[in-house]
Amino acid sequence: MSKFYELLQKVKKRPSLYLGKRSLSHLQVFLDAYTFARREIGIEPTEQEQDFEEFQEWIEQRFNQVNTQSWSRIILFYSEDESDALDKFFELFEEFSQRHQSLEANQIAHVKSGV
């Protein structure tokens, strides 16, 4: 089974194959169905899936839209259309992922330096 973030990269490369068309709303439904199916068969959330759960809060803070809409609706609001919103999702997701990698690198550096 592919890791969750690897699955997102596959969708990014060939969105029409996985989503039917280039659409952020279709991605949201795809991810909801993926999560639902895994829970229905008793598969616990992976570390990456748990990490992605923080994406909602990160998007809310990024757009100063706390507790208003889902991450997909917030991104769509600031996009020209569904296709543009999908592109923005992947840009934002990359930023979100890099942010976590930077935090982990800083934590490792602090541990090594004894701070």
N, C-alpha and C. Protein backbone atom coordinates (compact mmCIF):
# COMPACT_ATOMS: atom_id res chain seq x y z
N MET A 1 0.85 -1.19 0.00
CA MET A 1 0.00 0.00 0.00
C MET A 1 0.89 1.24 0.00
N SER A 2 0.56 2.17 -0.85
CA SER A 2 1.32 3.42 -0.94
C SER A 2 1.16 4.24 0.33
N LYS A 3 2.17 4.99 0.65
CA LYS A 3 2.07 5.93 1.74
C LYS A 3 1.14 7.06 1.29
N PHE A 4 0.52 7.69 2.25
CA PHE A 4 -0.48 8.72 1.96
C PHE A 4 0.10 9.85 1.12
N TYR A 5 1.27 10.36 1.48
CA TYR A 5 1.85 11.48 0.73
C TYR A 5 2.31 11.04 -0.65
N GLU A 6 2.70 9.78 -0.80
CA GLU A 6 3.03 9.26 -2.12
C GLU A 6 1.77 9.20 -2.99
N LEU A 7 0.65 8.85 -2.39
CA LEU A 7 -0.62 8.84 -3.11
C LEU A 7 -0.95 10.25 -3.60
N LEU A 8 -0.75 11.25 -2.76
CA LEU A 8 -1.01 12.63 -3.17
C LEU A 8 -0.12 13.02 -4.36
N GLN A 9 1.12 12.57 -4.35
CA GLN A 9 2.02 12.87 -5.47
C GLN A 9 1.55 12.19 -6.76
N LYS A 10 1.01 10.99 -6.64
CA LYS A 10 0.46 10.31 -7.81
C LYS A 10 -0.73 11.09 -8.37
N VAL A 11 -1.58 11.57 -7.48
CA VAL A 11 -2.73 12.37 -7.90
C VAL A 11 -2.25 13.65 -8.57
N LYS A 12 -1.23 14.27 -8.02
CA LYS A 12 -0.69 15.51 -8.59
C LYS A 12 -0.21 15.28 -10.02
N LYS A 13 0.45 14.16 -10.26
CA LYS A 13 0.99 13.87 -11.59
C LYS A 13 -0.11 13.55 -12.60
N ARG A 14 -1.16 12.87 -12.17
CA ARG A 14 -2.22 12.46 -13.09
C ARG A 14 -3.59 12.65 -12.45
N PRO A 15 -3.99 13.89 -12.20
CA PRO A 15 -5.24 14.15 -11.48
C PRO A 15 -6.48 13.57 -12.16
N SER A 16 -6.55 13.63 -13.47
CA SER A 16 -7.75 13.12 -14.16
C SER A 16 -7.91 11.62 -13.97
N LEU A 17 -6.81 10.91 -13.88
CA LEU A 17 -6.87 9.47 -13.67
C LEU A 17 -7.50 9.13 -12.33
N TYR A 18 -7.13 9.86 -11.29
CA TYR A 18 -7.60 9.56 -9.94
C TYR A 18 -8.91 10.29 -9.58
N LEU A 19 -9.11 11.47 -10.16
CA LEU A 19 -10.24 12.31 -9.74
C LEU A 19 -11.35 12.43 -10.77
N GLY A 20 -11.11 11.98 -11.99
CA GLY A 20 -12.09 12.14 -13.06
C GLY A 20 -11.87 13.42 -13.84
N LYS A 21 -11.51 14.50 -13.14
CA LYS A 21 -11.14 15.76 -13.77
C LYS A 21 -10.32 16.57 -12.78
N ARG A 22 -9.65 17.61 -13.28
CA ARG A 22 -8.82 18.46 -12.44
C ARG A 22 -9.72 19.33 -11.56
N SER A 23 -9.96 18.88 -10.35
CA SER A 23 -10.90 19.57 -9.48
C SER A 23 -10.52 19.38 -8.03
N LEU A 24 -10.44 20.48 -7.30
CA LEU A 24 -10.13 20.39 -5.87
C LEU A 24 -11.27 19.70 -5.12
N SER A 25 -12.50 19.98 -5.52
CA SER A 25 -13.64 19.32 -4.86
C SER A 25 -13.58 17.81 -5.07
N HIS A 26 -13.16 17.39 -6.25
CA HIS A 26 -13.02 15.95 -6.50
C HIS A 26 -11.90 15.37 -5.63
N LEU A 27 -10.83 16.13 -5.43
CA LEU A 27 -9.76 15.67 -4.54
C LEU A 27 -10.29 15.51 -3.12
N GLN A 28 -11.06 16.47 -2.65
CA GLN A 28 -11.62 16.39 -1.30
C GLN A 28 -12.47 15.13 -1.15
N VAL A 29 -13.31 14.85 -2.12
CA VAL A 29 -14.16 13.65 -2.08
C VAL A 29 -13.29 12.40 -2.13
N PHE A 30 -12.28 12.40 -2.99
CA PHE A 30 -11.36 11.27 -3.11
C PHE A 30 -10.69 10.97 -1.77
N LEU A 31 -10.18 12.01 -1.11
CA LEU A 31 -9.51 11.81 0.18
C LEU A 31 -10.48 11.39 1.27
N ASP A 32 -11.69 11.94 1.25
CA ASP A 32 -12.69 11.53 2.23
C ASP A 32 -13.04 10.06 2.04
N ALA A 33 -13.20 9.63 0.78
CA ALA A 33 -13.53 8.23 0.49
C ALA A 33 -12.37 7.32 0.89
N TYR A 34 -11.15 7.74 0.61
CA TYR A 34 -9.96 6.98 0.99
C TYR A 34 -9.93 6.76 2.50
N THR A 35 -10.13 7.84 3.24
CA THR A 35 -10.12 7.77 4.70
C THR A 35 -11.26 6.90 5.22
N PHE A 36 -12.44 7.09 4.68
CA PHE A 36 -13.60 6.32 5.09
C PHE A 36 -13.38 4.82 4.85
N ALA A 37 -12.89 4.48 3.67
CA ALA A 37 -12.68 3.07 3.33
C ALA A 37 -11.66 2.42 4.27
N ARG A 38 -10.58 3.12 4.56
CA ARG A 38 -9.56 2.56 5.46
C ARG A 38 -10.12 2.37 6.87
N ARG A 39 -10.93 3.29 7.33
CA ARG A 39 -11.50 3.16 8.69
C ARG A 39 -12.54 2.04 8.73
N GLU A 40 -13.30 1.90 7.66
CA GLU A 40 -14.32 0.84 7.60
C GLU A 40 -13.72 -0.56 7.69
N ILE A 41 -12.53 -0.72 7.15
CA ILE A 41 -11.90 -2.05 7.22
C ILE A 41 -10.93 -2.17 8.39
N GLY A 42 -10.95 -1.17 9.26
CA GLY A 42 -10.22 -1.25 10.51
C GLY A 42 -8.75 -0.88 10.46
N ILE A 43 -8.34 -0.14 9.44
CA ILE A 43 -6.94 0.28 9.34
C ILE A 43 -6.77 1.60 10.10
N GLU A 44 -5.86 1.58 11.04
CA GLU A 44 -5.59 2.78 11.84
C GLU A 44 -4.91 3.84 10.98
N PRO A 45 -5.11 5.12 11.32
CA PRO A 45 -4.45 6.19 10.56
C PRO A 45 -2.93 6.07 10.64
N THR A 46 -2.28 6.30 9.51
CA THR A 46 -0.82 6.27 9.49
C THR A 46 -0.29 7.60 10.04
N GLU A 47 0.99 7.67 10.24
CA GLU A 47 1.61 8.90 10.72
C GLU A 47 1.37 10.04 9.73
N GLN A 48 1.47 9.74 8.43
CA GLN A 48 1.24 10.77 7.43
C GLN A 48 -0.21 11.23 7.42
N GLU A 49 -1.14 10.31 7.57
CA GLU A 49 -2.56 10.69 7.62
C GLU A 49 -2.84 11.55 8.84
N GLN A 50 -2.23 11.21 9.97
CA GLN A 50 -2.41 12.02 11.17
C GLN A 50 -1.80 13.40 10.98
N ASP A 51 -0.65 13.45 10.32
CA ASP A 51 -0.01 14.73 10.03
C ASP A 51 -0.90 15.59 9.14
N PHE A 52 -1.51 14.97 8.13
CA PHE A 52 -2.37 15.71 7.20
C PHE A 52 -3.60 16.29 7.91
N GLU A 53 -4.02 15.68 9.00
CA GLU A 53 -5.15 16.22 9.75
C GLU A 53 -4.86 17.64 10.25
N GLU A 54 -3.59 18.00 10.38
CA GLU A 54 -3.20 19.35 10.80
C GLU A 54 -3.30 20.36 9.66
N PHE A 55 -3.45 19.87 8.43
CA PHE A 55 -3.53 20.75 7.27
C PHE A 55 -4.71 21.71 7.37
N GLN A 56 -5.83 21.25 7.90
CA GLN A 56 -7.01 22.11 8.06
C GLN A 56 -6.67 23.33 8.90
N GLU A 57 -6.09 23.12 10.05
CA GLU A 57 -5.75 24.23 10.94
C GLU A 57 -4.70 25.14 10.29
N TRP A 58 -3.73 24.54 9.60
CA TRP A 58 -2.69 25.30 8.93
C TRP A 58 -3.29 26.22 7.86
N ILE A 59 -4.23 25.68 7.08
CA ILE A 59 -4.89 26.49 6.03
C ILE A 59 -5.71 27.61 6.68
N GLU A 60 -6.42 27.31 7.75
CA GLU A 60 -7.20 28.34 8.44
C GLU A 60 -6.29 29.48 8.89
N GLN A 61 -5.15 29.15 9.46
CA GLN A 61 -4.22 30.18 9.91
C GLN A 61 -3.59 30.91 8.73
N ARG A 62 -3.24 30.18 7.70
CA ARG A 62 -2.59 30.75 6.51
C ARG A 62 -3.46 31.80 5.85
N PHE A 63 -4.78 31.55 5.82
CA PHE A 63 -5.72 32.46 5.16
C PHE A 63 -6.53 33.29 6.16
N ASN A 64 -6.18 33.18 7.43
CA ASN A 64 -6.88 33.90 8.49
C ASN A 64 -8.39 33.65 8.41
N GLN A 65 -8.75 32.38 8.28
CA GLN A 65 -10.15 31.96 8.16
C GLN A 65 -10.47 30.90 9.23
N VAL A 66 -10.20 31.21 10.46
CA VAL A 66 -10.33 30.24 11.54
C VAL A 66 -11.76 29.75 11.69
N ASN A 67 -11.92 28.43 11.71
CA ASN A 67 -13.20 27.76 11.94
C ASN A 67 -14.34 28.22 11.03
N THR A 68 -14.03 28.40 9.76
CA THR A 68 -15.07 28.85 8.85
C THR A 68 -15.54 27.76 7.90
N GLN A 69 -14.61 27.20 7.14
CA GLN A 69 -14.93 26.23 6.10
C GLN A 69 -13.85 25.15 6.08
N SER A 70 -14.08 24.12 5.27
CA SER A 70 -13.06 23.10 5.09
C SER A 70 -11.88 23.69 4.31
N TRP A 71 -10.74 23.03 4.40
CA TRP A 71 -9.55 23.51 3.69
C TRP A 71 -9.83 23.64 2.19
N SER A 72 -10.61 22.73 1.64
CA SER A 72 -10.87 22.79 0.21
C SER A 72 -11.72 24.01 -0.16
N ARG A 73 -12.69 24.33 0.67
CA ARG A 73 -13.54 25.50 0.39
C ARG A 73 -12.75 26.80 0.53
N ILE A 74 -11.85 26.86 1.50
CA ILE A 74 -11.02 28.06 1.68
C ILE A 74 -10.12 28.26 0.47
N ILE A 75 -9.46 27.19 0.04
CA ILE A 75 -8.57 27.29 -1.13
C ILE A 75 -9.38 27.66 -2.37
N LEU A 76 -10.54 27.04 -2.54
CA LEU A 76 -11.37 27.33 -3.71
C LEU A 76 -11.83 28.78 -3.72
N PHE A 77 -12.12 29.34 -2.56
CA PHE A 77 -12.55 30.73 -2.47
C PHE A 77 -11.48 31.68 -3.03
N TYR A 78 -10.21 31.35 -2.80
CA TYR A 78 -9.11 32.20 -3.24
C TYR A 78 -8.54 31.77 -4.60
N SER A 79 -9.30 31.00 -5.35
CA SER A 79 -8.85 30.50 -6.65
C SER A 79 -9.80 30.93 -7.76
N GLU A 80 -9.32 30.86 -8.99
CA GLU A 80 -10.14 31.22 -10.14
C GLU A 80 -11.21 30.18 -10.43
N ASP A 81 -10.84 28.91 -10.31
CA ASP A 81 -11.77 27.81 -10.60
C ASP A 81 -11.25 26.54 -9.94
N GLU A 82 -11.93 25.44 -10.17
CA GLU A 82 -11.57 24.16 -9.55
C GLU A 82 -10.16 23.69 -9.93
N SER A 83 -9.80 23.88 -11.19
CA SER A 83 -8.48 23.46 -11.66
C SER A 83 -7.38 24.30 -11.01
N ASP A 84 -7.58 25.60 -10.97
CA ASP A 84 -6.62 26.49 -10.31
C ASP A 84 -6.53 26.15 -8.83
N ALA A 85 -7.66 25.85 -8.21
CA ALA A 85 -7.68 25.49 -6.79
C ALA A 85 -6.87 24.22 -6.54
N LEU A 86 -6.96 23.26 -7.46
CA LEU A 86 -6.18 22.03 -7.32
C LEU A 86 -4.69 22.34 -7.37
N ASP A 87 -4.29 23.18 -8.31
CA ASP A 87 -2.88 23.59 -8.38
C ASP A 87 -2.44 24.28 -7.10
N LYS A 88 -3.28 25.17 -6.59
CA LYS A 88 -2.96 25.88 -5.35
C LYS A 88 -2.86 24.90 -4.17
N PHE A 89 -3.74 23.89 -4.15
CA PHE A 89 -3.66 22.90 -3.08
C PHE A 89 -2.27 22.28 -3.04
N PHE A 90 -1.78 21.85 -4.20
CA PHE A 90 -0.49 21.18 -4.22
C PHE A 90 0.64 22.13 -3.86
N GLU A 91 0.53 23.40 -4.23
CA GLU A 91 1.52 24.40 -3.80
C GLU A 91 1.48 24.57 -2.29
N LEU A 92 0.28 24.70 -1.76
CA LEU A 92 0.12 24.88 -0.31
C LEU A 92 0.53 23.62 0.45
N PHE A 93 0.19 22.47 -0.10
CA PHE A 93 0.58 21.23 0.56
C PHE A 93 2.10 21.10 0.62
N GLU A 94 2.77 21.50 -0.45
CA GLU A 94 4.24 21.47 -0.47
C GLU A 94 4.79 22.39 0.62
N GLU A 95 4.21 23.59 0.72
CA GLU A 95 4.62 24.54 1.76
C GLU A 95 4.37 23.96 3.15
N PHE A 96 3.22 23.35 3.33
CA PHE A 96 2.87 22.70 4.59
C PHE A 96 3.89 21.61 4.92
N SER A 97 4.22 20.78 3.95
CA SER A 97 5.18 19.69 4.15
C SER A 97 6.56 20.23 4.47
N GLN A 98 7.00 21.26 3.76
CA GLN A 98 8.30 21.85 4.00
C GLN A 98 8.38 22.47 5.39
N ARG A 99 7.29 23.04 5.81
CA ARG A 99 7.25 23.65 7.14
C ARG A 99 7.52 22.60 8.20
N HIS A 100 6.91 21.44 8.06
CA HIS A 100 7.12 20.36 9.01
C HIS A 100 8.54 19.84 8.95
N GLN A 101 9.11 19.75 7.76
CA GLN A 101 10.49 19.29 7.63
C GLN A 101 11.44 20.28 8.28
N SER A 102 11.16 21.57 8.14
CA SER A 102 12.00 22.60 8.76
C SER A 102 11.92 22.52 10.28
N LEU A 103 10.72 22.29 10.80
CA LEU A 103 10.56 22.15 12.25
C LEU A 103 11.33 20.95 12.78
N GLU A 104 11.26 19.83 12.06
CA GLU A 104 11.98 18.62 12.48
C GLU A 104 13.48 18.85 12.44
N ALA A 105 13.98 19.53 11.41
CA ALA A 105 15.41 19.82 11.30
C ALA A 105 15.87 20.71 12.45
N ASN A 106 15.04 21.70 12.81
CA ASN A 106 15.37 22.58 13.94
C ASN A 106 15.40 21.82 15.25
N GLN A 107 14.47 20.89 15.43
CA GLN A 107 14.44 20.09 16.65
C GLN A 107 15.67 19.21 16.75
N ILE A 108 16.07 18.60 15.66
CA ILE A 108 17.27 17.75 15.64
C ILE A 108 18.51 18.59 15.94
N ALA A 109 18.59 19.79 15.35
CA ALA A 109 19.73 20.67 15.59
C ALA A 109 19.81 21.06 17.06
N HIS A 110 18.67 21.33 17.70
CA HIS A 110 18.65 21.69 19.12
C HIS A 110 19.11 20.52 19.99
N VAL A 111 18.69 19.32 19.63
CA VAL A 111 19.09 18.14 20.39
C VAL A 111 20.59 17.92 20.28
N LYS A 112 21.12 18.05 19.07
CA LYS A 112 22.56 17.85 18.84
C LYS A 112 23.40 18.91 19.54
N SER A 113 22.87 20.13 19.61
CA SER A 113 23.65 21.21 20.23
C SER A 113 23.48 21.23 21.75
N GLY A 114 22.54 20.42 22.25
CA GLY A 114 22.33 20.35 23.68
C GLY A 114 21.49 21.47 24.24
N VAL A 115 20.77 22.17 23.36
CA VAL A 115 19.92 23.29 23.80
C VAL A 115 18.60 22.77 24.28
